[in-house]
């Protein structure tokens, strides 16, 4: 069993799967047989439910190599989850930089 941690649209995903390999697609990691725990109906983790919905009906997924943070071989299944990435904490906006127009070239001298 494997635990795969990767970035997806600014968030950090943590999934568990039975099979991980280098797929036929260049620069992608192939992840098969995703494992979602059978939890009590009294306690529902919204993060895991979102993952369950997002990956429902998916037999195999291909994750870009540059998005992978870590892959661990583990002995038992953990909790699948989505964690907000650093992009949500970045509140700095760069100032606009003026670009010279093609007709206004500076005089060389």
C-alpha atoms as a PDB file:
ATOM      1  CA  UNK A   1       0.000   0.000   0.000  1.00  0.00           C
ATOM      2  CA  UNK A   2       1.258   3.491  -0.862  1.00  0.00           C
ATOM      3  CA  UNK A   3       0.643   7.008   0.412  1.00  0.00           C
ATOM      4  CA  UNK A   4       0.958   9.624  -2.338  1.00  0.00           C
ATOM      5  CA  UNK A   5       1.256  13.335  -1.511  1.00  0.00           C
ATOM      6  CA  UNK A   6       0.969  15.794  -4.401  1.00  0.00           C
ATOM      7  CA  UNK A   7      -0.054  19.336  -5.345  1.00  0.00           C
ATOM      8  CA  UNK A   8      -3.279  19.889  -7.246  1.00  0.00           C
ATOM      9  CA  UNK A   9      -4.526  23.408  -8.058  1.00  0.00           C
ATOM     10  CA  UNK A  10      -2.764  24.976  -5.065  1.00  0.00           C
ATOM     11  CA  UNK A  11      -3.892  22.357  -2.535  1.00  0.00           C
ATOM     12  CA  UNK A  12      -1.999  19.383  -1.140  1.00  0.00           C
ATOM     13  CA  UNK A  13      -3.677  16.017  -1.726  1.00  0.00           C
ATOM     14  CA  UNK A  14      -2.878  12.892   0.272  1.00  0.00           C
ATOM     15  CA  UNK A  15      -4.170   9.622  -1.231  1.00  0.00           C
ATOM     16  CA  UNK A  16      -3.689   5.938  -0.501  1.00  0.00           C
ATOM     17  CA  UNK A  17      -3.486   3.348  -3.277  1.00  0.00           C
ATOM     18  CA  UNK A  18      -2.542  -0.266  -3.809  1.00  0.00           C
ATOM     19  CA  UNK A  19      -0.421   0.305  -6.918  1.00  0.00           C
ATOM     20  CA  UNK A  20       1.976   3.081  -7.986  1.00  0.00           C
ATOM     21  CA  UNK A  21       4.229   2.897 -11.037  1.00  0.00           C
ATOM     22  CA  UNK A  22       5.805   4.901 -13.807  1.00  0.00           C
ATOM     23  CA  UNK A  23       3.064   4.888 -16.385  1.00  0.00           C
ATOM     24  CA  UNK A  24       3.139   4.697 -20.136  1.00  0.00           C
ATOM     25  CA  UNK A  25       2.755   8.486 -20.265  1.00  0.00           C
ATOM     26  CA  UNK A  26       6.143  10.185 -20.029  1.00  0.00           C
ATOM     27  CA  UNK A  27       6.650  12.295 -16.838  1.00  0.00           C
ATOM     28  CA  UNK A  28       3.515  10.957 -15.144  1.00  0.00           C
ATOM     29  CA  UNK A  29       3.137   8.618 -12.176  1.00  0.00           C
ATOM     30  CA  UNK A  30       0.363   6.058 -12.570  1.00  0.00           C
ATOM     31  CA  UNK A  31      -1.757   5.464  -9.456  1.00  0.00           C
ATOM     32  CA  UNK A  32      -4.251   2.584  -9.400  1.00  0.00           C
ATOM     33  CA  UNK A  33      -6.778   1.147  -6.950  1.00  0.00           C
ATOM     34  CA  UNK A  34      -7.363   4.169  -4.741  1.00  0.00           C
ATOM     35  CA  UNK A  35      -8.331   3.196  -1.203  1.00  0.00           C
ATOM     36  CA  UNK A  36     -11.045   5.017   0.692  1.00  0.00           C
ATOM     37  CA  UNK A  37     -11.698   3.824   4.235  1.00  0.00           C
ATOM     38  CA  UNK A  38     -15.054   2.594   5.321  1.00  0.00           C
ATOM     39  CA  UNK A  39     -15.816   5.026   8.114  1.00  0.00           C
ATOM     40  CA  UNK A  40     -18.633   5.193  10.570  1.00  0.00           C
ATOM     41  CA  UNK A  41     -21.651   7.115   9.304  1.00  0.00           C
ATOM     42  CA  UNK A  42     -21.615   9.140  12.528  1.00  0.00           C
ATOM     43  CA  UNK A  43     -18.278  10.797  11.752  1.00  0.00           C
ATOM     44  CA  UNK A  44     -17.791  12.162   8.236  1.00  0.00           C
ATOM     45  CA  UNK A  45     -14.592  13.895   7.154  1.00  0.00           C
ATOM     46  CA  UNK A  46     -15.577  16.520   4.529  1.00  0.00           C
ATOM     47  CA  UNK A  47     -12.077  16.446   3.003  1.00  0.00           C
ATOM     48  CA  UNK A  48     -12.191  12.695   2.431  1.00  0.00           C
ATOM     49  CA  UNK A  49     -15.763  12.903   1.135  1.00  0.00           C
ATOM     50  CA  UNK A  50     -14.653  15.526  -1.409  1.00  0.00           C
ATOM     51  CA  UNK A  51     -11.842  13.210  -2.563  1.00  0.00           C
ATOM     52  CA  UNK A  52     -14.262  10.281  -2.756  1.00  0.00           C
ATOM     53  CA  UNK A  53     -16.582  12.328  -4.962  1.00  0.00           C
ATOM     54  CA  UNK A  54     -13.739  13.698  -7.122  1.00  0.00           C
ATOM     55  CA  UNK A  55     -12.274  10.246  -7.762  1.00  0.00           C
ATOM     56  CA  UNK A  56     -15.505   8.226  -7.962  1.00  0.00           C
ATOM     57  CA  UNK A  57     -15.417   5.916 -10.960  1.00  0.00           C
ATOM     58  CA  UNK A  58     -11.658   6.446 -11.487  1.00  0.00           C
ATOM     59  CA  UNK A  59      -9.742   3.188 -11.944  1.00  0.00           C
ATOM     60  CA  UNK A  60      -6.392   4.791 -12.666  1.00  0.00           C
ATOM     61  CA  UNK A  61      -5.110   8.351 -12.413  1.00  0.00           C
ATOM     62  CA  UNK A  62      -1.960   9.907 -13.817  1.00  0.00           C
ATOM     63  CA  UNK A  63      -0.235  12.530 -11.673  1.00  0.00           C
ATOM     64  CA  UNK A  64       2.408  14.815 -13.215  1.00  0.00           C
ATOM     65  CA  UNK A  65       5.864  14.042 -11.870  1.00  0.00           C
ATOM     66  CA  UNK A  66       6.543  17.682 -10.939  1.00  0.00           C
ATOM     67  CA  UNK A  67       3.380  17.744  -8.761  1.00  0.00           C
ATOM     68  CA  UNK A  68       4.503  14.815  -6.588  1.00  0.00           C
ATOM     69  CA  UNK A  69       5.856  15.766  -3.175  1.00  0.00           C
ATOM     70  CA  UNK A  70       6.361  12.289  -1.758  1.00  0.00           C
ATOM     71  CA  UNK A  71       5.442   8.616  -2.190  1.00  0.00           C
ATOM     72  CA  UNK A  72       5.705   6.282   0.808  1.00  0.00           C
ATOM     73  CA  UNK A  73       5.136   2.543   1.030  1.00  0.00           C
ATOM     74  CA  UNK A  74       3.078   2.106   4.199  1.00  0.00           C
ATOM     75  CA  UNK A  75       1.861  -0.900   6.164  1.00  0.00           C
ATOM     76  CA  UNK A  76      -1.672   0.281   6.788  1.00  0.00           C
ATOM     77  CA  UNK A  77      -4.126   2.706   5.327  1.00  0.00           C
ATOM     78  CA  UNK A  78      -4.344   6.254   6.643  1.00  0.00           C
ATOM     79  CA  UNK A  79      -6.828   9.036   6.084  1.00  0.00           C
ATOM     80  CA  UNK A  80      -7.084  10.623   2.642  1.00  0.00           C
ATOM     81  CA  UNK A  81      -7.245  14.397   2.862  1.00  0.00           C
ATOM     82  CA  UNK A  82      -6.897  17.748   1.145  1.00  0.00           C
ATOM     83  CA  UNK A  83      -4.872  20.479   2.849  1.00  0.00           C
ATOM     84  CA  UNK A  84      -4.852  24.109   1.756  1.00  0.00           C
ATOM     85  CA  UNK A  85      -1.540  24.957   0.099  1.00  0.00           C
ATOM     86  CA  UNK A  86       0.641  28.015   0.626  1.00  0.00           C
ATOM     87  CA  UNK A  87      -1.040  29.883  -2.222  1.00  0.00           C
ATOM     88  CA  UNK A  88      -3.980  30.726   0.070  1.00  0.00           C
ATOM     89  CA  UNK A  89      -1.635  32.519   2.516  1.00  0.00           C
ATOM     90  CA  UNK A  90       0.066  34.685  -0.082  1.00  0.00           C
ATOM     91  CA  UNK A  91      -1.533  38.123   0.065  1.00  0.00           C
ATOM     92  CA  UNK A  92       1.221  40.097  -1.694  1.00  0.00           C
ATOM     93  CA  UNK A  93       0.328  41.502  -5.106  1.00  0.00           C
ATOM     94  CA  UNK A  94       3.180  42.689  -7.322  1.00  0.00           C
ATOM     95  CA  UNK A  95       3.044  46.254  -8.597  1.00  0.00           C
ATOM     96  CA  UNK A  96       2.420  46.664 -12.325  1.00  0.00           C
ATOM     97  CA  UNK A  97       5.550  47.326 -14.367  1.00  0.00           C
ATOM     98  CA  UNK A  98       5.232  49.677 -17.365  1.00  0.00           C
ATOM     99  CA  UNK A  99       6.415  48.211 -20.654  1.00  0.00           C
ATOM    100  CA  UNK A 100       7.725  50.472 -23.402  1.00  0.00           C
ATOM    101  CA  UNK A 101       5.551  50.474 -26.476  1.00  0.00           C
ATOM    102  CA  UNK A 102       7.202  49.404 -29.761  1.00  0.00           C
ATOM    103  CA  UNK A 103       7.018  52.961 -31.208  1.00  0.00           C
ATOM    104  CA  UNK A 104       8.680  54.656 -28.228  1.00  0.00           C
ATOM    105  CA  UNK A 105      12.264  53.396 -28.282  1.00  0.00           C
ATOM    106  CA  UNK A 106      14.682  55.218 -25.964  1.00  0.00           C
ATOM    107  CA  UNK A 107      17.284  57.417 -27.626  1.00  0.00           C
ATOM    108  CA  UNK A 108      20.654  55.596 -27.465  1.00  0.00           C
ATOM    109  CA  UNK A 109      22.437  58.695 -26.835  1.00  0.00           C
END
